[in-house]
C-alpha atoms as a PDB file:
ATOM      1  CA  MET A   1     -40.513 -70.158  24.943  1.00  0.00           C
ATOM      2  CA  THR A   2     -39.866 -68.216  21.744  1.00  0.00           C
ATOM      3  CA  ILE A   3     -42.302 -68.099  18.901  1.00  0.00           C
ATOM      4  CA  LYS A   4     -41.718 -67.207  15.270  1.00  0.00           C
ATOM      5  CA  GLN A   5     -43.055 -63.918  14.012  1.00  0.00           C
ATOM      6  CA  LEU A   6     -43.379 -63.053  10.332  1.00  0.00           C
ATOM      7  CA  SER A   7     -42.434 -59.555   9.240  1.00  0.00           C
ATOM      8  CA  VAL A   8     -43.764 -58.612   5.820  1.00  0.00           C
ATOM      9  CA  PHE A   9     -42.547 -55.459   4.129  1.00  0.00           C
ATOM     10  CA  LEU A  10     -45.334 -53.644   2.280  1.00  0.00           C
ATOM     11  CA  GLU A  11     -45.474 -50.689  -0.064  1.00  0.00           C
ATOM     12  CA  ASN A  12     -47.673 -47.926   1.284  1.00  0.00           C
ATOM     13  CA  LYS A  13     -50.468 -48.281  -1.228  1.00  0.00           C
ATOM     14  CA  THR A  14     -54.097 -49.238  -1.011  1.00  0.00           C
ATOM     15  CA  GLY A  15     -54.822 -52.946  -0.960  1.00  0.00           C
ATOM     16  CA  ARG A  16     -51.396 -54.342  -0.026  1.00  0.00           C
ATOM     17  CA  ILE A  17     -52.441 -55.556   3.419  1.00  0.00           C
ATOM     18  CA  ASN A  18     -55.602 -57.000   1.828  1.00  0.00           C
ATOM     19  CA  GLU A  19     -53.421 -59.090  -0.476  1.00  0.00           C
ATOM     20  CA  VAL A  20     -51.506 -60.536   2.476  1.00  0.00           C
ATOM     21  CA  THR A  21     -54.624 -61.467   4.431  1.00  0.00           C
ATOM     22  CA  ARG A  22     -56.322 -62.904   1.324  1.00  0.00           C
ATOM     23  CA  ILE A  23     -53.304 -65.089   0.487  1.00  0.00           C
ATOM     24  CA  LEU A  24     -53.084 -66.372   4.046  1.00  0.00           C
ATOM     25  CA  ALA A  25     -56.823 -67.134   4.106  1.00  0.00           C
ATOM     26  CA  GLN A  26     -56.628 -69.015   0.797  1.00  0.00           C
ATOM     27  CA  HIS A  27     -53.984 -71.273   2.337  1.00  0.00           C
ATOM     28  CA  GLY A  28     -55.757 -71.829   5.655  1.00  0.00           C
ATOM     29  CA  VAL A  29     -53.372 -69.710   7.720  1.00  0.00           C
ATOM     30  CA  ASN A  30     -54.979 -67.931  10.662  1.00  0.00           C
ATOM     31  CA  LEU A  31     -53.727 -64.650  12.147  1.00  0.00           C
ATOM     32  CA  TYR A  32     -53.384 -64.769  15.943  1.00  0.00           C
ATOM     33  CA  ALA A  33     -51.925 -61.284  16.371  1.00  0.00           C
ATOM     34  CA  PHE A  34     -50.514 -58.548  14.177  1.00  0.00           C
ATOM     35  CA  SER A  35     -49.120 -55.069  14.218  1.00  0.00           C
ATOM     36  CA  LEU A  36     -48.639 -52.653  11.347  1.00  0.00           C
ATOM     37  CA  ALA A  37     -45.959 -49.962  11.560  1.00  0.00           C
ATOM     38  CA  GLU A  38     -45.490 -47.534   8.722  1.00  0.00           C
ATOM     39  CA  THR A  39     -43.163 -44.909   7.366  1.00  0.00           C
ATOM     40  CA  ALA A  40     -43.665 -42.614   4.410  1.00  0.00           C
ATOM     41  CA  ASP A  41     -42.791 -45.246   1.813  1.00  0.00           C
ATOM     42  CA  PHE A  42     -43.427 -48.674   3.323  1.00  0.00           C
ATOM     43  CA  GLY A  43     -44.931 -50.552   6.223  1.00  0.00           C
ATOM     44  CA  ILE A  44     -43.903 -53.543   8.275  1.00  0.00           C
ATOM     45  CA  LEU A  45     -46.671 -56.008   9.027  1.00  0.00           C
ATOM     46  CA  ARG A  46     -45.619 -58.175  11.984  1.00  0.00           C
ATOM     47  CA  MET A  47     -47.729 -61.290  12.463  1.00  0.00           C
ATOM     48  CA  ILE A  48     -48.114 -64.323  14.674  1.00  0.00           C
ATOM     49  CA  VAL A  49     -49.799 -66.975  12.527  1.00  0.00           C
ATOM     50  CA  SER A  50     -51.043 -70.549  12.798  1.00  0.00           C
ATOM     51  CA  ASP A  51     -48.568 -71.972  10.259  1.00  0.00           C
ATOM     52  CA  VAL A  52     -45.361 -69.990   9.879  1.00  0.00           C
ATOM     53  CA  GLU A  53     -43.805 -72.137   7.156  1.00  0.00           C
ATOM     54  CA  VAL A  54     -46.865 -72.128   4.914  1.00  0.00           C
ATOM     55  CA  ALA A  55     -47.308 -68.384   5.409  1.00  0.00           C
ATOM     56  CA  ARG A  56     -43.676 -67.647   4.605  1.00  0.00           C
ATOM     57  CA  LYS A  57     -43.752 -69.858   1.507  1.00  0.00           C
ATOM     58  CA  VAL A  58     -46.963 -68.499  -0.019  1.00  0.00           C
ATOM     59  CA  LEU A  59     -46.116 -64.871   0.697  1.00  0.00           C
ATOM     60  CA  ARG A  60     -42.675 -65.220  -0.861  1.00  0.00           C
ATOM     61  CA  GLU A  61     -44.261 -66.888  -3.882  1.00  0.00           C
ATOM     62  CA  ALA A  62     -46.454 -63.787  -4.164  1.00  0.00           C
ATOM     63  CA  ASN A  63     -43.290 -61.636  -4.180  1.00  0.00           C
ATOM     64  CA  PHE A  64     -43.556 -60.242  -0.663  1.00  0.00           C
ATOM     65  CA  ALA A  65     -40.346 -59.684   1.299  1.00  0.00           C
ATOM     66  CA  VAL A  66     -40.745 -61.842   4.426  1.00  0.00           C
ATOM     67  CA  ARG A  67     -38.486 -62.232   7.439  1.00  0.00           C
ATOM     68  CA  LEU A  68     -38.759 -64.579  10.432  1.00  0.00           C
ATOM     69  CA  THR A  69     -37.948 -63.276  13.899  1.00  0.00           C
ATOM     70  CA  ASP A  70     -37.972 -64.897  17.330  1.00  0.00           C
ATOM     71  CA  VAL A  71     -40.202 -63.087  19.801  1.00  0.00           C
ATOM     72  CA  LEU A  72     -41.633 -63.754  23.238  1.00  0.00           C
ATOM     73  CA  CYS A  73     -45.351 -63.801  23.939  1.00  0.00           C
ATOM     74  CA  LEU A  74     -46.570 -63.795  27.499  1.00  0.00           C
ATOM     75  CA  ASN A  75     -49.837 -63.473  29.350  1.00  0.00           C
ATOM     76  CA  CYS A  76     -50.561 -60.995  32.086  1.00  0.00           C
ATOM     77  CA  ALA A  77     -53.629 -59.751  33.870  1.00  0.00           C
ATOM     78  CA  ASN A  78     -55.724 -57.278  31.892  1.00  0.00           C
ATOM     79  CA  THR A  79     -55.638 -54.787  34.753  1.00  0.00           C
ATOM     80  CA  PRO A  80     -54.038 -51.378  35.274  1.00  0.00           C
ATOM     81  CA  GLY A  81     -50.363 -51.752  36.143  1.00  0.00           C
ATOM     82  CA  ALA A  82     -49.889 -55.409  35.186  1.00  0.00           C
ATOM     83  CA  LEU A  83     -47.831 -54.588  32.097  1.00  0.00           C
ATOM     84  CA  ALA A  84     -45.914 -51.871  33.956  1.00  0.00           C
ATOM     85  CA  GLU A  85     -44.737 -54.486  36.493  1.00  0.00           C
ATOM     86  CA  ILE A  86     -43.419 -56.745  33.731  1.00  0.00           C
ATOM     87  CA  LEU A  87     -41.705 -53.872  31.935  1.00  0.00           C
ATOM     88  CA  ASP A  88     -40.150 -52.677  35.218  1.00  0.00           C
ATOM     89  CA  LEU A  89     -38.816 -56.191  35.814  1.00  0.00           C
ATOM     90  CA  LEU A  90     -37.234 -56.312  32.351  1.00  0.00           C
ATOM     91  CA  ALA A  91     -35.770 -52.815  32.757  1.00  0.00           C
ATOM     92  CA  ARG A  92     -34.194 -53.694  36.128  1.00  0.00           C
ATOM     93  CA  GLU A  93     -32.442 -56.602  34.398  1.00  0.00           C
ATOM     94  CA  GLN A  94     -31.295 -54.334  31.544  1.00  0.00           C
ATOM     95  CA  VAL A  95     -33.414 -56.162  28.935  1.00  0.00           C
ATOM     96  CA  PHE A  96     -33.907 -53.665  26.118  1.00  0.00           C
ATOM     97  CA  ILE A  97     -37.142 -53.984  24.133  1.00  0.00           C
ATOM     98  CA  GLU A  98     -36.927 -53.228  20.406  1.00  0.00           C
ATOM     99  CA  TYR A  99     -40.710 -53.267  20.001  1.00  0.00           C
ATOM    100  CA  MET A 100     -43.837 -54.840  21.391  1.00  0.00           C
ATOM    101  CA  TYR A 101     -47.547 -55.101  20.754  1.00  0.00           C
ATOM    102  CA  ALA A 102     -50.426 -56.522  22.730  1.00  0.00           C
ATOM    103  CA  PHE A 103     -53.973 -57.776  22.543  1.00  0.00           C
ATOM    104  CA  SER A 104     -56.477 -58.620  25.241  1.00  0.00           C
ATOM    105  CA  GLU A 105     -59.596 -60.625  25.769  1.00  0.00           C
ATOM    106  CA  GLY A 106     -61.520 -60.632  29.010  1.00  0.00           C
ATOM    107  CA  GLU A 107     -59.259 -60.812  32.047  1.00  0.00           C
ATOM    108  CA  THR A 108     -56.076 -61.706  30.146  1.00  0.00           C
ATOM    109  CA  ALA A 109     -53.743 -59.641  28.001  1.00  0.00           C
ATOM    110  CA  SER A 110     -51.140 -61.191  25.715  1.00  0.00           C
ATOM    111  CA  VAL A 111     -47.989 -59.225  24.981  1.00  0.00           C
ATOM    112  CA  VAL A 112     -45.573 -59.884  22.125  1.00  0.00           C
ATOM    113  CA  ILE A 113     -42.089 -58.617  22.980  1.00  0.00           C
ATOM    114  CA  ARG A 114     -38.951 -58.443  20.854  1.00  0.00           C
ATOM    115  CA  PRO A 115     -36.039 -57.958  23.261  1.00  0.00           C
ATOM    116  CA  THR A 116     -32.528 -57.452  21.914  1.00  0.00           C
ATOM    117  CA  ASP A 117     -31.401 -60.357  24.101  1.00  0.00           C
ATOM    118  CA  ILE A 118     -33.993 -63.150  23.795  1.00  0.00           C
ATOM    119  CA  GLU A 119     -32.267 -65.532  26.244  1.00  0.00           C
ATOM    120  CA  LYS A 120     -31.930 -62.886  28.948  1.00  0.00           C
ATOM    121  CA  GLY A 121     -35.581 -61.930  28.424  1.00  0.00           C
ATOM    122  CA  ILE A 122     -36.690 -65.553  28.812  1.00  0.00           C
ATOM    123  CA  ALA A 123     -34.572 -66.063  31.935  1.00  0.00           C
ATOM    124  CA  THR A 124     -35.863 -62.854  33.525  1.00  0.00           C
ATOM    125  CA  LEU A 125     -39.510 -63.661  32.809  1.00  0.00           C
ATOM    126  CA  ASN A 126     -39.084 -67.271  33.978  1.00  0.00           C
ATOM    127  CA  ARG A 127     -37.646 -66.115  37.319  1.00  0.00           C
ATOM    128  CA  ALA A 128     -40.778 -64.000  37.772  1.00  0.00           C
ATOM    129  CA  ASP A 129     -43.058 -66.934  36.783  1.00  0.00           C
ATOM    130  CA  CYS A 130     -44.573 -64.985  33.879  1.00  0.00           C
ATOM    131  CA  PRO A 131     -46.688 -67.398  31.829  1.00  0.00           C
ATOM    132  CA  PHE A 132     -45.825 -67.628  28.147  1.00  0.00           C
ATOM    133  CA  VAL A 133     -48.557 -68.058  25.521  1.00  0.00           C
ATOM    134  CA  ASN A 134     -48.781 -71.549  24.046  1.00  0.00           C
ATOM    135  CA  PHE A 135     -49.824 -71.090  20.426  1.00  0.00           C
ATOM    136  CA  SER A 136     -49.508 -74.810  19.714  1.00  0.00           C
ATOM    137  CA  THR A 137     -52.633 -75.282  21.865  1.00  0.00           C
ATOM    138  CA  LEU A 138     -54.507 -72.840  19.621  1.00  0.00           C
ATOM    139  CA  ARG A 139     -53.371 -74.715  16.509  1.00  0.00           C
ATOM    140  CA  GLN A 140     -54.673 -77.996  17.943  1.00  0.00           C
ATOM    141  CA  GLN A 141     -58.046 -76.432  18.787  1.00  0.00           C
ATOM    142  CA  GLN A 142     -58.475 -75.258  15.191  1.00  0.00           C
ATOM    143  CA  LYS A 143     -57.968 -78.715  13.676  1.00  0.00           C
END
């Protein structure tokens, strides 16, 4: 149910995100989803990738600060109100969301959620039959 997300801490200077994507590409690691949040001095690049262990290893070797976090990734309809229903469900169950980001293609949207209580988030979404994204299927398709 959970997937591993990489968080990479970046200085706010030109070319830093380019370095990350270049290193990952050189080692055959594909980006499935990412989000970049920034402050005045640094940014946090959150990524779902095809090979977490390789990505973590090569980025650390390149002197990037990298952290692994468990997140949930689910699918919902790419229609008005579909996400609101899921968020309402989580709120009713008192599942607090630290952050989230989403991407869509065609009729489906995929939402990455970092709740403060992962297990409660999983249980709540399972009761509502929310489908989770299976990234292992994507990895197999790429081979």
